[in-house]
Amino acid sequence: MKFKQTDLIAIIDDTSGTTFNGMFKVIKRGPWICDGKYEFQDIIFAFKDKTYILEHSRTGSPYTEFLYDVIEGYHDFECVEVKKVEIITHKWIPVDIDSNIQENS
């Protein structure tokens, strides 16, 4: 779904997690992931009983200033509808650790 640039800027700037513009609510703000000269961040937000992800980036430096793709792009952005799912993972650990845990129990 396409969202207006002004709404997405409000989503990026929101740090309270409260509803704003009467329609949007930030649910989860991911960390900034550094990839060389760019940093990327995902923001999960709710809009009209559906949940979307805003994947955006910035370049620059905290010592100068950051340029955000949403702000500098001057266009509307496509955000994908997402849903929360439970994912179960398995981890491999050394046998020594596993046997020590069982012996100390």
Protein backbone atom coordinates (compact mmCIF):
# COMPACT_ATOMS: atom_id res chain seq x y z
CA MET A 1 0.00 0.00 0.00
CA LYS A 2 1.30 3.47 -0.82
CA PHE A 3 1.62 6.00 1.96
CA LYS A 4 2.13 9.74 1.74
CA GLN A 5 5.60 11.02 2.40
CA THR A 6 4.34 13.33 5.17
CA ASP A 7 2.77 10.39 7.04
CA LEU A 8 5.94 8.31 6.76
CA ILE A 9 8.05 11.18 8.06
CA ALA A 10 5.69 11.37 11.06
CA ILE A 11 6.14 7.60 11.59
CA ILE A 12 9.93 7.93 11.48
CA ASP A 13 9.90 10.88 13.89
CA ASP A 14 7.48 9.25 16.36
CA THR A 15 9.26 7.81 19.38
CA SER A 16 6.31 7.61 21.77
CA GLY A 17 4.47 4.69 20.14
CA THR A 18 1.22 6.62 20.45
CA THR A 19 -1.43 6.98 17.80
CA PHE A 20 -0.97 10.06 15.67
CA ASN A 21 -2.92 11.63 12.83
CA GLY A 22 -5.78 9.58 14.28
CA MET A 23 -4.73 6.57 12.19
CA PHE A 24 -1.09 5.49 12.69
CA LYS A 25 0.60 3.72 15.59
CA VAL A 26 4.23 2.67 15.73
CA ILE A 27 4.41 -0.90 17.04
CA LYS A 28 8.11 -1.75 16.77
CA ARG A 29 11.15 0.24 15.76
CA GLY A 30 14.11 -1.91 14.73
CA PRO A 31 17.73 -0.94 15.35
CA TRP A 32 19.77 0.92 12.77
CA ILE A 33 21.84 -1.67 10.86
CA CYS A 34 25.10 -0.25 9.49
CA ASP A 35 26.19 -1.34 6.02
CA GLY A 36 29.12 0.84 5.09
CA LYS A 37 28.00 4.33 4.22
CA TYR A 38 24.29 3.49 4.63
CA GLU A 39 22.19 2.50 7.64
CA PHE A 40 18.88 0.64 7.39
CA GLN A 41 15.93 0.44 9.77
CA ASP A 42 12.57 -1.33 9.77
CA ILE A 43 9.57 0.20 11.49
CA ILE A 44 6.40 -1.83 12.07
CA PHE A 45 3.28 0.35 12.25
CA ALA A 46 -0.48 -0.11 12.35
CA PHE A 47 -2.89 1.63 10.00
CA LYS A 48 -6.64 0.93 9.85
CA ASP A 49 -6.49 -2.47 11.62
CA LYS A 50 -3.61 -3.71 9.43
CA THR A 51 0.11 -3.84 10.10
CA TYR A 52 2.80 -2.63 7.68
CA ILE A 53 6.58 -2.43 7.52
CA LEU A 54 8.47 0.69 6.53
CA GLU A 55 11.97 -0.21 5.35
CA HIS A 56 14.00 2.95 5.10
CA SER A 57 17.60 4.08 5.06
CA ARG A 58 19.83 7.01 5.80
CA THR A 59 23.31 8.12 4.90
CA GLY A 60 25.58 10.62 6.57
CA SER A 61 27.07 10.94 10.00
CA PRO A 62 26.04 11.88 13.52
CA TYR A 63 28.88 14.41 13.34
CA THR A 64 27.42 16.20 10.33
CA GLU A 65 23.85 15.24 9.53
CA PHE A 66 21.86 12.30 8.20
CA LEU A 67 19.94 12.29 4.93
CA TYR A 68 16.88 10.02 5.08
CA ASP A 69 15.57 8.38 1.90
CA VAL A 70 11.95 9.04 2.89
CA ILE A 71 12.58 12.73 3.52
CA GLU A 72 14.91 13.36 0.59
CA GLY A 73 12.93 11.22 -1.87
CA TYR A 74 9.97 13.58 -2.27
CA HIS A 75 7.63 10.79 -3.24
CA ASP A 76 5.19 8.32 -1.74
CA PHE A 77 6.48 4.95 -0.54
CA GLU A 78 5.13 1.44 -0.88
CA CYS A 79 4.84 -0.41 2.44
CA VAL A 80 4.11 -4.13 2.59
CA GLU A 81 1.43 -5.53 4.89
CA VAL A 82 2.95 -7.86 7.50
CA LYS A 83 1.76 -10.12 10.31
CA LYS A 84 3.40 -11.40 13.46
CA VAL A 85 4.23 -15.12 13.46
CA GLU A 86 5.93 -17.38 15.98
CA ILE A 87 9.17 -18.94 14.75
CA ILE A 88 10.80 -21.78 16.68
CA THR A 89 14.52 -22.25 16.18
CA HIS A 90 16.98 -24.92 17.23
CA LYS A 91 20.56 -24.28 18.26
CA TRP A 92 23.51 -26.65 18.22
CA ILE A 93 25.69 -26.55 21.34
CA PRO A 94 28.83 -28.52 22.26
CA VAL A 95 28.13 -31.82 23.99
CA ASP A 96 30.28 -30.82 26.99
CA ILE A 97 27.98 -27.92 27.79
CA ASP A 98 24.87 -30.07 27.47
CA SER A 99 26.26 -32.81 29.76
CA ASN A 100 27.40 -30.24 32.34
CA ILE A 101 23.92 -28.77 32.43
CA GLN A 102 22.35 -32.19 33.01
CA GLU A 103 24.90 -33.17 35.68
CA ASN A 104 24.37 -29.94 37.63
CA SER A 105 20.56 -30.23 37.56
